[in-house]
Amino acid sequence: KIRGVSKGKGGSMHLYEPKLDFYGGNAIVGAHLPHAVGAAYARKYMG
């Protein structure tokens, strides 16, 4: 449904809410781990 947290486009595996710092799931096993490392690098860069 369009009122879903990802406007109905993500389904079970792609819940996404940046206001909660929640960057959701990834349908590819382990594919979110490089994203997490990149985000950590960015956070470190920003102090």
ModelCIF file with pLDDT and N, C-alpha, C, O atoms, coordinates in Angstrom:
data_MODEL
#
_entry.id   MODEL 
#
_entity.id                         1 
_entity.type                       polymer 
_entity.pdbx_number_of_molecules   1 
#
_entity_poly.entity_id                      1 
_entity_poly.type                           'polypeptide(L)' 
_entity_poly.nstd_linkage                   no 
_entity_poly.nstd_monomer                   no 
_entity_poly.pdbx_seq_one_letter_code       KIRGVSKGKGGSMHLYEPKLDFYGGNAIVGAHLPHAVGAAYARKYMG 
_entity_poly.pdbx_seq_one_letter_code_can   KIRGVSKGKGGSMHLYEPKLDFYGGNAIVGAHLPHAVGAAYARKYMG 
_entity_poly.pdbx_strand_id                 A 
#
loop_
_entity_poly_seq.entity_id 
_entity_poly_seq.num 
_entity_poly_seq.mon_id 
_entity_poly_seq.hetero 
1 1  LYS n 
1 2  ILE n 
1 3  ARG n 
1 4  GLY n 
1 5  VAL n 
1 6  SER n 
1 7  LYS n 
1 8  GLY n 
1 9  LYS n 
1 10 GLY n 
1 11 GLY n 
1 12 SER n 
1 13 MET n 
1 14 HIS n 
1 15 LEU n 
1 16 TYR n 
1 17 GLU n 
1 18 PRO n 
1 19 LYS n 
1 20 LEU n 
1 21 ASP n 
1 22 PHE n 
1 23 TYR n 
1 24 GLY n 
1 25 GLY n 
1 26 ASN n 
1 27 ALA n 
1 28 ILE n 
1 29 VAL n 
1 30 GLY n 
1 31 ALA n 
1 32 HIS n 
1 33 LEU n 
1 34 PRO n 
1 35 HIS n 
1 36 ALA n 
1 37 VAL n 
1 38 GLY n 
1 39 ALA n 
1 40 ALA n 
1 41 TYR n 
1 42 ALA n 
1 43 ARG n 
1 44 LYS n 
1 45 TYR n 
1 46 MET n 
1 47 GLY n 
#
_struct_asym.id          A 
_struct_asym.entity_id   1 
#
loop_
_ma_qa_metric.id 
_ma_qa_metric.mode 
_ma_qa_metric.name 
_ma_qa_metric.software_group_id 
_ma_qa_metric.type 
1 global pLDDT . pLDDT 
2 local  pLDDT . pLDDT 
#
_ma_qa_metric_global.metric_id      1 
_ma_qa_metric_global.metric_value   92.70 
_ma_qa_metric_global.model_id       1 
_ma_qa_metric_global.ordinal_id     1 
#
loop_
_ma_qa_metric_local.label_asym_id 
_ma_qa_metric_local.label_comp_id 
_ma_qa_metric_local.label_seq_id 
_ma_qa_metric_local.metric_id 
_ma_qa_metric_local.metric_value 
_ma_qa_metric_local.model_id 
_ma_qa_metric_local.ordinal_id 
A LYS 1  2 96.00 1 1  
A ILE 2  2 96.00 1 2  
A ARG 3  2 96.00 1 3  
A GLY 4  2 95.00 1 4  
A VAL 5  2 94.00 1 5  
A SER 6  2 94.00 1 6  
A LYS 7  2 94.00 1 7  
A GLY 8  2 93.00 1 8  
A LYS 9  2 92.00 1 9  
A GLY 10 2 91.00 1 10 
A GLY 11 2 91.00 1 11 
A SER 12 2 91.00 1 12 
A MET 13 2 91.00 1 13 
A HIS 14 2 92.00 1 14 
A LEU 15 2 94.00 1 15 
A TYR 16 2 92.00 1 16 
A GLU 17 2 93.00 1 17 
A PRO 18 2 92.00 1 18 
A LYS 19 2 94.00 1 19 
A LEU 20 2 95.00 1 20 
A ASP 21 2 94.00 1 21 
A PHE 22 2 95.00 1 22 
A TYR 23 2 92.00 1 23 
A GLY 24 2 84.00 1 24 
A GLY 25 2 84.00 1 25 
A ASN 26 2 84.00 1 26 
A ALA 27 2 82.00 1 27 
A ILE 28 2 88.00 1 28 
A VAL 29 2 89.00 1 29 
A GLY 30 2 91.00 1 30 
A ALA 31 2 91.00 1 31 
A HIS 32 2 95.00 1 32 
A LEU 33 2 97.00 1 33 
A PRO 34 2 96.00 1 34 
A HIS 35 2 95.00 1 35 
A ALA 36 2 96.00 1 36 
A VAL 37 2 97.00 1 37 
A GLY 38 2 96.00 1 38 
A ALA 39 2 95.00 1 39 
A ALA 40 2 96.00 1 40 
A TYR 41 2 96.00 1 41 
A ALA 42 2 95.00 1 42 
A ARG 43 2 92.00 1 43 
A LYS 44 2 93.00 1 44 
A TYR 45 2 93.00 1 45 
A MET 46 2 93.00 1 46 
A GLY 47 2 92.00 1 47 
#
loop_
_atom_site.group_PDB 
_atom_site.id 
_atom_site.type_symbol 
_atom_site.label_atom_id 
_atom_site.label_alt_id 
_atom_site.label_comp_id 
_atom_site.label_asym_id 
_atom_site.label_entity_id 
_atom_site.label_seq_id 
_atom_site.pdbx_PDB_ins_code 
_atom_site.Cartn_x 
_atom_site.Cartn_y 
_atom_site.Cartn_z 
_atom_site.occupancy 
_atom_site.B_iso_or_equiv 
_atom_site.pdbx_formal_charge 
_atom_site.auth_seq_id 
_atom_site.auth_comp_id 
_atom_site.auth_asym_id 
_atom_site.auth_atom_id 
_atom_site.pdbx_PDB_model_num 
ATOM 1   N N  . LYS A 1 1  ? 0.824  -1.205  0.000  1.00 96.00 ? 1  LYS A N  1 
ATOM 2   C CA . LYS A 1 1  ? 0.000  0.000   0.000  1.00 96.00 ? 1  LYS A CA 1 
ATOM 3   C C  . LYS A 1 1  ? 0.860  1.258   0.000  1.00 96.00 ? 1  LYS A C  1 
ATOM 4   O O  . LYS A 1 1  ? 1.964  1.269   0.545  1.00 96.00 ? 1  LYS A O  1 
ATOM 5   N N  . ILE A 1 2  ? 0.346  2.306   -0.613 1.00 96.00 ? 2  ILE A N  1 
ATOM 6   C CA . ILE A 1 2  ? 1.110  3.548   -0.747 1.00 96.00 ? 2  ILE A CA 1 
ATOM 7   C C  . ILE A 1 2  ? 1.380  4.183   0.613  1.00 96.00 ? 2  ILE A C  1 
ATOM 8   O O  . ILE A 1 2  ? 2.355  4.921   0.755  1.00 96.00 ? 2  ILE A O  1 
ATOM 9   N N  . ARG A 1 3  ? 0.548  3.919   1.613  1.00 96.00 ? 3  ARG A N  1 
ATOM 10  C CA . ARG A 1 3  ? 0.786  4.486   2.933  1.00 96.00 ? 3  ARG A CA 1 
ATOM 11  C C  . ARG A 1 3  ? 1.833  3.698   3.720  1.00 96.00 ? 3  ARG A C  1 
ATOM 12  O O  . ARG A 1 3  ? 2.127  4.036   4.867  1.00 96.00 ? 3  ARG A O  1 
ATOM 13  N N  . GLY A 1 4  ? 2.388  2.665   3.122  1.00 95.00 ? 4  GLY A N  1 
ATOM 14  C CA . GLY A 1 4  ? 3.448  1.910   3.766  1.00 95.00 ? 4  GLY A CA 1 
ATOM 15  C C  . GLY A 1 4  ? 4.697  2.739   3.952  1.00 95.00 ? 4  GLY A C  1 
ATOM 16  O O  . GLY A 1 4  ? 4.856  3.784   3.320  1.00 95.00 ? 4  GLY A O  1 
ATOM 17  N N  . VAL A 1 5  ? 5.582  2.283   4.813  1.00 94.00 ? 5  VAL A N  1 
ATOM 18  C CA . VAL A 1 5  ? 6.756  3.071   5.166  1.00 94.00 ? 5  VAL A CA 1 
ATOM 19  C C  . VAL A 1 5  ? 7.655  3.342   3.963  1.00 94.00 ? 5  VAL A C  1 
ATOM 20  O O  . VAL A 1 5  ? 8.354  4.354   3.931  1.00 94.00 ? 5  VAL A O  1 
ATOM 21  N N  . SER A 1 6  ? 7.644  2.450   2.976  1.00 94.00 ? 6  SER A N  1 
ATOM 22  C CA . SER A 1 6  ? 8.401  2.681   1.741  1.00 94.00 ? 6  SER A CA 1 
ATOM 23  C C  . SER A 1 6  ? 7.465  2.885   0.559  1.00 94.00 ? 6  SER A C  1 
ATOM 24  O O  . SER A 1 6  ? 7.805  2.583   -0.585 1.00 94.00 ? 6  SER A O  1 
ATOM 25  N N  . LYS A 1 7  ? 6.267  3.408   0.862  1.00 94.00 ? 7  LYS A N  1 
ATOM 26  C CA . LYS A 1 7  ? 5.236  3.735   -0.130 1.00 94.00 ? 7  LYS A CA 1 
ATOM 27  C C  . LYS A 1 7  ? 4.795  2.529   -0.955 1.00 94.00 ? 7  LYS A C  1 
ATOM 28  O O  . LYS A 1 7  ? 4.376  2.659   -2.105 1.00 94.00 ? 7  LYS A O  1 
ATOM 29  N N  . GLY A 1 8  ? 4.901  1.351   -0.337 1.00 93.00 ? 8  GLY A N  1 
ATOM 30  C CA . GLY A 1 8  ? 4.437  0.145   -1.004 1.00 93.00 ? 8  GLY A CA 1 
ATOM 31  C C  . GLY A 1 8  ? 5.371  -0.413  -2.055 1.00 93.00 ? 8  GLY A C  1 
ATOM 32  O O  . GLY A 1 8  ? 5.034  -1.386  -2.730 1.00 93.00 ? 8  GLY A O  1 
ATOM 33  N N  . LYS A 1 9  ? 6.538  0.186   -2.203 1.00 92.00 ? 9  LYS A N  1 
ATOM 34  C CA . LYS A 1 9  ? 7.466  -0.224  -3.259 1.00 92.00 ? 9  LYS A CA 1 
ATOM 35  C C  . LYS A 1 9  ? 8.543  -1.194  -2.779 1.00 92.00 ? 9  LYS A C  1 
ATOM 36  O O  . LYS A 1 9  ? 9.228  -1.811  -3.595 1.00 92.00 ? 9  LYS A O  1 
ATOM 37  N N  . GLY A 1 10 ? 8.696  -1.333  -1.471 1.00 91.00 ? 10 GLY A N  1 
ATOM 38  C CA . GLY A 1 10 ? 9.788  -2.135  -0.950 1.00 91.00 ? 10 GLY A CA 1 
ATOM 39  C C  . GLY A 1 10 ? 9.382  -3.501  -0.444 1.00 91.00 ? 10 GLY A C  1 
ATOM 40  O O  . GLY A 1 10 ? 10.122 -4.474  -0.589 1.00 91.00 ? 10 GLY A O  1 
ATOM 41  N N  . GLY A 1 11 ? 8.191  -3.572  0.156  1.00 91.00 ? 11 GLY A N  1 
ATOM 42  C CA . GLY A 1 11 ? 7.751  -4.840  0.713  1.00 91.00 ? 11 GLY A CA 1 
ATOM 43  C C  . GLY A 1 11 ? 8.528  -5.242  1.950  1.00 91.00 ? 11 GLY A C  1 
ATOM 44  O O  . GLY A 1 11 ? 9.148  -4.412  2.614  1.00 91.00 ? 11 GLY A O  1 
ATOM 45  N N  . SER A 1 12 ? 8.484  -6.526  2.247  1.00 91.00 ? 12 SER A N  1 
ATOM 46  C CA . SER A 1 12 ? 9.049  -7.064  3.484  1.00 91.00 ? 12 SER A CA 1 
ATOM 47  C C  . SER A 1 12 ? 10.532 -6.769  3.650  1.00 91.00 ? 12 SER A C  1 
ATOM 48  O O  . SER A 1 12 ? 10.988 -6.506  4.762  1.00 91.00 ? 12 SER A O  1 
ATOM 49  N N  . MET A 1 13 ? 11.283 -6.808  2.572  1.00 91.00 ? 13 MET A N  1 
ATOM 50  C CA . MET A 1 13 ? 12.743 -6.731  2.684  1.00 91.00 ? 13 MET A CA 1 
ATOM 51  C C  . MET A 1 13 ? 13.312 -5.332  2.556  1.00 91.00 ? 13 MET A C  1 
ATOM 52  O O  . MET A 1 13 ? 14.529 -5.158  2.627  1.00 91.00 ? 13 MET A O  1 
ATOM 53  N N  . HIS A 1 14 ? 12.457 -4.322  2.368  1.00 92.00 ? 14 HIS A N  1 
ATOM 54  C CA . HIS A 1 14 ? 12.983 -2.981  2.110  1.00 92.00 ? 14 HIS A CA 1 
ATOM 55  C C  . HIS A 1 14 ? 12.240 -1.914  2.907  1.00 92.00 ? 14 HIS A C  1 
ATOM 56  O O  . HIS A 1 14 ? 11.775 -0.923  2.345  1.00 92.00 ? 14 HIS A O  1 
ATOM 57  N N  . LEU A 1 15 ? 12.132 -2.120  4.207  1.00 94.00 ? 15 LEU A N  1 
ATOM 58  C CA . LEU A 1 15 ? 11.590 -1.080  5.075  1.00 94.00 ? 15 LEU A CA 1 
ATOM 59  C C  . LEU A 1 15 ? 12.652 0.007   5.222  1.00 94.00 ? 15 LEU A C  1 
ATOM 60  O O  . LEU A 1 15 ? 13.828 -0.298  5.420  1.00 94.00 ? 15 LEU A O  1 
ATOM 61  N N  . TYR A 1 16 ? 12.246 1.264   5.126  1.00 92.00 ? 16 TYR A N  1 
ATOM 62  C CA . TYR A 1 16 ? 13.234 2.348   5.039  1.00 92.00 ? 16 TYR A CA 1 
ATOM 63  C C  . TYR A 1 16 ? 12.669 3.601   5.689  1.00 92.00 ? 16 TYR A C  1 
ATOM 64  O O  . TYR A 1 16 ? 11.606 4.079   5.294  1.00 92.00 ? 16 TYR A O  1 
ATOM 65  N N  . GLU A 1 17 ? 13.367 4.134   6.678  1.00 93.00 ? 17 GLU A N  1 
ATOM 66  C CA . GLU A 1 17 ? 12.934 5.373   7.310  1.00 93.00 ? 17 GLU A CA 1 
ATOM 67  C C  . GLU A 1 17 ? 14.143 6.159   7.803  1.00 93.00 ? 17 GLU A C  1 
ATOM 68  O O  . GLU A 1 17 ? 14.613 5.949   8.921  1.00 93.00 ? 17 GLU A O  1 
ATOM 69  N N  . PRO A 1 18 ? 14.648 7.070   6.962  1.00 92.00 ? 18 PRO A N  1 
ATOM 70  C CA . PRO A 1 18 ? 15.847 7.838   7.337  1.00 92.00 ? 18 PRO A CA 1 
ATOM 71  C C  . PRO A 1 18 ? 15.649 8.718   8.568  1.00 92.00 ? 18 PRO A C  1 
ATOM 72  O O  . PRO A 1 18 ? 16.622 9.068   9.236  1.00 92.00 ? 18 PRO A O  1 
ATOM 73  N N  . LYS A 1 19 ? 14.394 9.083   8.882  1.00 94.00 ? 19 LYS A N  1 
ATOM 74  C CA . LYS A 1 19 ? 14.154 9.888   10.075 1.00 94.00 ? 19 LYS A CA 1 
ATOM 75  C C  . LYS A 1 19 ? 14.531 9.120   11.345 1.00 94.00 ? 19 LYS A C  1 
ATOM 76  O O  . LYS A 1 19 ? 14.825 9.716   12.381 1.00 94.00 ? 19 LYS A O  1 
ATOM 77  N N  . LEU A 1 20 ? 14.519 7.805   11.247 1.00 95.00 ? 20 LEU A N  1 
ATOM 78  C CA . LEU A 1 20 ? 14.895 6.955   12.378 1.00 95.00 ? 20 LEU A CA 1 
ATOM 79  C C  . LEU A 1 20 ? 16.316 6.406   12.216 1.00 95.00 ? 20 LEU A C  1 
ATOM 80  O O  . LEU A 1 20 ? 16.736 5.536   12.979 1.00 95.00 ? 20 LEU A O  1 
ATOM 81  N N  . ASP A 1 21 ? 17.052 6.910   11.229 1.00 94.00 ? 21 ASP A N  1 
ATOM 82  C CA . ASP A 1 21 ? 18.382 6.386   10.894 1.00 94.00 ? 21 ASP A CA 1 
ATOM 83  C C  . ASP A 1 21 ? 18.305 4.890   10.598 1.00 94.00 ? 21 ASP A C  1 
ATOM 84  O O  . ASP A 1 21 ? 19.210 4.125   10.931 1.00 94.00 ? 21 ASP A O  1 
ATOM 85  N N  . PHE A 1 22 ? 17.210 4.497   9.967  1.00 95.00 ? 22 PHE A N  1 
ATOM 86  C CA . PHE A 1 22 ? 16.949 3.088   9.659  1.00 95.00 ? 22 PHE A CA 1 
ATOM 87  C C  . PHE A 1 22 ? 17.013 2.917   8.143  1.00 95.00 ? 22 PHE A C  1 
ATOM 88  O O  . PHE A 1 22 ? 16.116 3.348   7.418  1.00 95.00 ? 22 PHE A O  1 
ATOM 89  N N  . TYR A 1 23 ? 18.085 2.281   7.678  1.00 92.00 ? 23 TYR A N  1 
ATOM 90  C CA . TYR A 1 23 ? 18.326 2.208   6.249  1.00 92.00 ? 23 TYR A CA 1 
ATOM 91  C C  . TYR A 1 23 ? 17.974 0.850   5.649  1.00 92.00 ? 23 TYR A C  1 
ATOM 92  O O  . TYR A 1 23 ? 18.397 0.503   4.547  1.00 92.00 ? 23 TYR A O  1 
ATOM 93  N N  . GLY A 1 24 ? 17.203 0.112   6.397  1.00 84.00 ? 24 GLY A N  1 
ATOM 94  C CA . GLY A 1 24 ? 16.468 -1.004  5.846  1.00 84.00 ? 24 GLY A CA 1 
ATOM 95  C C  . GLY A 1 24 ? 17.254 -2.214  5.418  1.00 84.00 ? 24 GLY A C  1 
ATOM 96  O O  . GLY A 1 24 ? 18.477 -2.283  5.546  1.00 84.00 ? 24 GLY A O  1 
ATOM 97  N N  . GLY A 1 25 ? 16.504 -3.163  4.905  1.00 84.00 ? 25 GLY A N  1 
ATOM 98  C CA . GLY A 1 25 ? 17.074 -4.434  4.502  1.00 84.00 ? 25 GLY A CA 1 
ATOM 99  C C  . GLY A 1 25 ? 17.577 -4.431  3.077  1.00 84.00 ? 25 GLY A C  1 
ATOM 100 O O  . GLY A 1 25 ? 17.430 -3.453  2.344  1.00 84.00 ? 25 GLY A O  1 
ATOM 101 N N  . ASN A 1 26 ? 18.168 -5.534  2.707  1.00 84.00 ? 26 ASN A N  1 
ATOM 102 C CA . ASN A 1 26 ? 18.686 -5.713  1.354  1.00 84.00 ? 26 ASN A CA 1 
ATOM 103 C C  . ASN A 1 26 ? 18.381 -7.138  0.935  1.00 84.00 ? 26 ASN A C  1 
ATOM 104 O O  . ASN A 1 26 ? 18.676 -8.086  1.664  1.00 84.00 ? 26 ASN A O  1 
ATOM 105 N N  . ALA A 1 27 ? 17.790 -7.287  -0.238 1.00 82.00 ? 27 ALA A N  1 
ATOM 106 C CA . ALA A 1 27 ? 17.372 -8.611  -0.697 1.00 82.00 ? 27 ALA A CA 1 
ATOM 107 C C  . ALA A 1 27 ? 18.542 -9.498  -1.096 1.00 82.00 ? 27 ALA A C  1 
ATOM 108 O O  . ALA A 1 27 ? 18.380 -10.714 -1.196 1.00 82.00 ? 27 ALA A O  1 
ATOM 109 N N  . ILE A 1 28 ? 19.711 -8.920  -1.324 1.00 88.00 ? 28 ILE A N  1 
ATOM 110 C CA . ILE A 1 28 ? 20.895 -9.685  -1.671 1.00 88.00 ? 28 ILE A CA 1 
ATOM 111 C C  . ILE A 1 28 ? 21.668 -9.977  -0.388 1.00 88.00 ? 28 ILE A C  1 
ATOM 112 O O  . ILE A 1 28 ? 22.054 -9.059  0.335  1.00 88.00 ? 28 ILE A O  1 
ATOM 113 N N  . VAL A 1 29 ? 21.888 -11.252 -0.113 1.00 89.00 ? 29 VAL A N  1 
ATOM 114 C CA . VAL A 1 29 ? 22.512 -11.651 1.146  1.00 89.00 ? 29 VAL A CA 1 
ATOM 115 C C  . VAL A 1 29 ? 23.876 -10.978 1.324  1.00 89.00 ? 29 VAL A C  1 
ATOM 116 O O  . VAL A 1 29 ? 24.777 -11.156 0.504  1.00 89.00 ? 29 VAL A O  1 
ATOM 117 N N  . GLY A 1 30 ? 24.015 -10.212 2.393  1.00 91.00 ? 30 GLY A N  1 
ATOM 118 C CA . GLY A 1 30 ? 25.281 -9.562  2.712  1.00 91.00 ? 30 GLY A CA 1 
ATOM 119 C C  . GLY A 1 30 ? 25.585 -8.302  1.932  1.00 91.00 ? 30 GLY A C  1 
ATOM 120 O O  . GLY A 1 30 ? 26.624 -7.680  2.158  1.00 91.00 ? 30 GLY A O  1 
ATOM 121 N N  . ALA A 1 31 ? 24.713 -7.906  1.023  1.00 91.00 ? 31 ALA A N  1 
ATOM 122 C CA . ALA A 1 31 ? 25.015 -6.747  0.175  1.00 91.00 ? 31 ALA A CA 1 
ATOM 123 C C  . ALA A 1 31 ? 24.988 -5.434  0.942  1.00 91.00 ? 31 ALA A C  1 
ATOM 124 O O  . ALA A 1 31 ? 25.542 -4.437  0.481  1.00 91.00 ? 31 ALA A O  1 
ATOM 125 N N  . HIS A 1 32 ? 24.351 -5.421  2.105  1.00 95.00 ? 32 HIS A N  1 
ATOM 126 C CA . HIS A 1 32 ? 24.286 -4.186  2.884  1.00 95.00 ? 32 HIS A CA 1 
ATOM 127 C C  . HIS A 1 32 ? 25.557 -3.940  3.693  1.00 95.00 ? 32 HIS A C  1 
ATOM 128 O O  . HIS A 1 32 ? 25.742 -2.844  4.222  1.00 95.00 ? 32 HIS A O  1 
ATOM 129 N N  . LEU A 1 33 ? 26.438 -4.938  3.800  1.00 97.00 ? 33 LEU A N  1 
ATOM 130 C CA . LEU A 1 33 ? 27.626 -4.761  4.630  1.00 97.00 ? 33 LEU A CA 1 
ATOM 131 C C  . LEU A 1 33 ? 28.599 -3.723  4.062  1.00 97.00 ? 33 LEU A C  1 
ATOM 132 O O  . LEU A 1 33 ? 29.106 -2.899  4.823  1.00 97.00 ? 33 LEU A O  1 
ATOM 133 N N  . PRO A 1 34 ? 28.878 -3.732  2.758  1.00 96.00 ? 34 PRO A N  1 
ATOM 134 C CA . PRO A 1 34 ? 29.713 -2.642  2.223  1.00 96.00 ? 34 PRO A CA 1 
ATOM 135 C C  . PRO A 1 34 ? 29.061 -1.273  2.396  1.00 96.00 ? 34 PRO A C  1 
ATOM 136 O O  . PRO A 1 34 ? 29.749 -0.276  2.614  1.00 96.00 ? 34 PRO A O  1 
ATOM 137 N N  . HIS A 1 35 ? 27.728 -1.227  2.300  1.00 95.00 ? 35 HIS A N  1 
ATOM 138 C CA . HIS A 1 35 ? 27.036 0.046   2.513  1.00 95.00 ? 35 HIS A CA 1 
ATOM 139 C C  . HIS A 1 35 ? 27.275 0.543   3.936  1.00 95.00 ? 35 HIS A C  1 
ATOM 140 O O  . HIS A 1 35 ? 27.510 1.730   4.164  1.00 95.00 ? 35 HIS A O  1 
ATOM 141 N N  . ALA A 1 36 ? 27.211 -0.387  4.888  1.00 96.00 ? 36 ALA A N  1 
ATOM 142 C CA . ALA A 1 36 ? 27.419 -0.017  6.291  1.00 96.00 ? 36 ALA A CA 1 
ATOM 143 C C  . ALA A 1 36 ? 28.833 0.514   6.516  1.00 96.00 ? 36 ALA A C  1 
ATOM 144 O O  . ALA A 1 36 ? 29.022 1.494   7.236  1.00 96.00 ? 36 ALA A O  1 
ATOM 145 N N  . VAL A 1 37 ? 29.813 -0.124  5.910  1.00 97.00 ? 37 VAL A N  1 
ATOM 146 C CA . VAL A 1 37 ? 31.198 0.334   6.055  1.00 97.00 ? 37 VAL A CA 1 
ATOM 147 C C  . VAL A 1 37 ? 31.368 1.712   5.427  1.00 97.00 ? 37 VAL A C  1 
ATOM 148 O O  . VAL A 1 37 ? 32.047 2.575   5.982  1.00 97.00 ? 37 VAL A O  1 
ATOM 149 N N  . GLY A 1 38 ? 30.749 1.912   4.269  1.00 96.00 ? 38 GLY A N  1 
ATOM 150 C CA . GLY A 1 38 ? 30.809 3.229   3.628  1.00 96.00 ? 38 GLY A CA 1 
ATOM 151 C C  . GLY A 1 38 ? 30.173 4.308   4.483  1.00 96.00 ? 38 GLY A C  1 
ATOM 152 O O  . GLY A 1 38 ? 30.693 5.420   4.585  1.00 96.00 ? 38 GLY A O  1 
ATOM 153 N N  . ALA A 1 39 ? 29.038 3.973   5.102  1.00 95.00 ? 39 ALA A N  1 
ATOM 154 C CA . ALA A 1 39 ? 28.374 4.933   5.976  1.00 95.00 ? 39 ALA A CA 1 
ATOM 155 C C  . ALA A 1 39 ? 29.231 5.240   7.197  1.00 95.00 ? 39 ALA A C  1 
ATOM 156 O O  . ALA A 1 39 ? 29.295 6.386   7.642  1.00 95.00 ? 39 ALA A O  1 
ATOM 157 N N  . ALA A 1 40 ? 29.891 4.216   7.739  1.00 96.00 ? 40 ALA A N  1 
ATOM 158 C CA . ALA A 1 40 ? 30.776 4.425   8.881  1.00 96.00 ? 40 ALA A CA 1 
ATOM 159 C C  . ALA A 1 40 ? 31.952 5.324   8.511  1.00 96.00 ? 40 ALA A C  1 
ATOM 160 O O  . ALA A 1 40 ? 32.373 6.173   9.296  1.00 96.00 ? 40 ALA A O  1 
ATOM 161 N N  . TYR A 1 41 ? 32.470 5.123   7.310  1.00 96.00 ? 41 TYR A N  1 
ATOM 162 C CA . TYR A 1 41 ? 33.562 5.975   6.826  1.00 96.00 ? 41 TYR A CA 1 
ATOM 163 C C  . TYR A 1 41 ? 33.104 7.435   6.727  1.00 96.00 ? 41 TYR A C  1 
ATOM 164 O O  . TYR A 1 41 ? 33.828 8.362   7.089  1.00 96.00 ? 41 TYR A O  1 
ATOM 165 N N  . ALA A 1 42 ? 31.870 7.606   6.221  1.00 95.00 ? 42 ALA A N  1 
ATOM 166 C CA . ALA A 1 42 ? 31.328 8.964   6.095  1.00 95.00 ? 42 ALA A CA 1 
ATOM 167 C C  . ALA A 1 42 ? 31.131 9.607   7.458  1.00 95.00 ? 42 ALA A C  1 
ATOM 168 O O  . ALA A 1 42 ? 31.449 10.781  7.646  1.00 95.00 ? 42 ALA A O  1 
ATOM 169 N N  . ARG A 1 43 ? 30.609 8.841   8.410  1.00 92.00 ? 43 ARG A N  1 
ATOM 170 C CA . ARG A 1 43 ? 30.405 9.375   9.749  1.00 92.00 ? 43 ARG A CA 1 
ATOM 171 C C  . ARG A 1 43 ? 31.741 9.772   10.383 1.00 92.00 ? 43 ARG A C  1 
ATOM 172 O O  . ARG A 1 43 ? 31.846 10.814  11.030 1.00 92.00 ? 43 ARG A O  1 
ATOM 173 N N  . LYS A 1 44 ? 32.739 8.942   10.192 1.00 93.00 ? 44 LYS A N  1 
ATOM 174 C CA . LYS A 1 44 ? 34.067 9.257   10.732 1.00 93.00 ? 44 LYS A CA 1 
ATOM 175 C C  . LYS A 1 44 ? 34.622 10.512  10.075 1.00 93.00 ? 44 LYS A C  1 
ATOM 176 O O  . LYS A 1 44 ? 35.196 11.366  10.749 1.00 93.00 ? 44 LYS A O  1 
ATOM 177 N N  . TYR A 1 45 ? 34.453 10.625  8.768  1.00 93.00 ? 45 TYR A N  1 
ATOM 178 C CA . TYR A 1 45 ? 34.932 11.785  8.019  1.00 93.00 ? 45 TYR A CA 1 
ATOM 179 C C  . TYR A 1 45 ? 34.282 13.069  8.527  1.00 93.00 ? 45 TYR A C  1 
ATOM 180 O O  . TYR A 1 45 ? 34.912 14.126  8.557  1.00 93.00 ? 45 TYR A O  1 
ATOM 181 N N  . MET A 1 46 ? 33.016 12.965  8.925  1.00 93.00 ? 46 MET A N  1 
ATOM 182 C CA . MET A 1 46 ? 32.279 14.133  9.428  1.00 93.00 ? 46 MET A CA 1 
ATOM 183 C C  . MET A 1 46 ? 32.516 14.382  10.912 1.00 93.00 ? 46 MET A C  1 
ATOM 184 O O  . MET A 1 46 ? 31.966 15.322  11.485 1.00 93.00 ? 46 MET A O  1 
ATOM 185 N N  . GLY A 1 47 ? 33.340 13.534  11.535 1.00 92.00 ? 47 GLY A N  1 
ATOM 186 C CA . GLY A 1 47 ? 33.672 13.732  12.938 1.00 92.00 ? 47 GLY A CA 1 
ATOM 187 C C  . GLY A 1 47 ? 32.619 13.259  13.913 1.00 92.00 ? 47 GLY A C  1 
ATOM 188 O O  . GLY A 1 47 ? 32.800 13.380  15.124 1.00 92.00 ? 47 GLY A O  1 
#
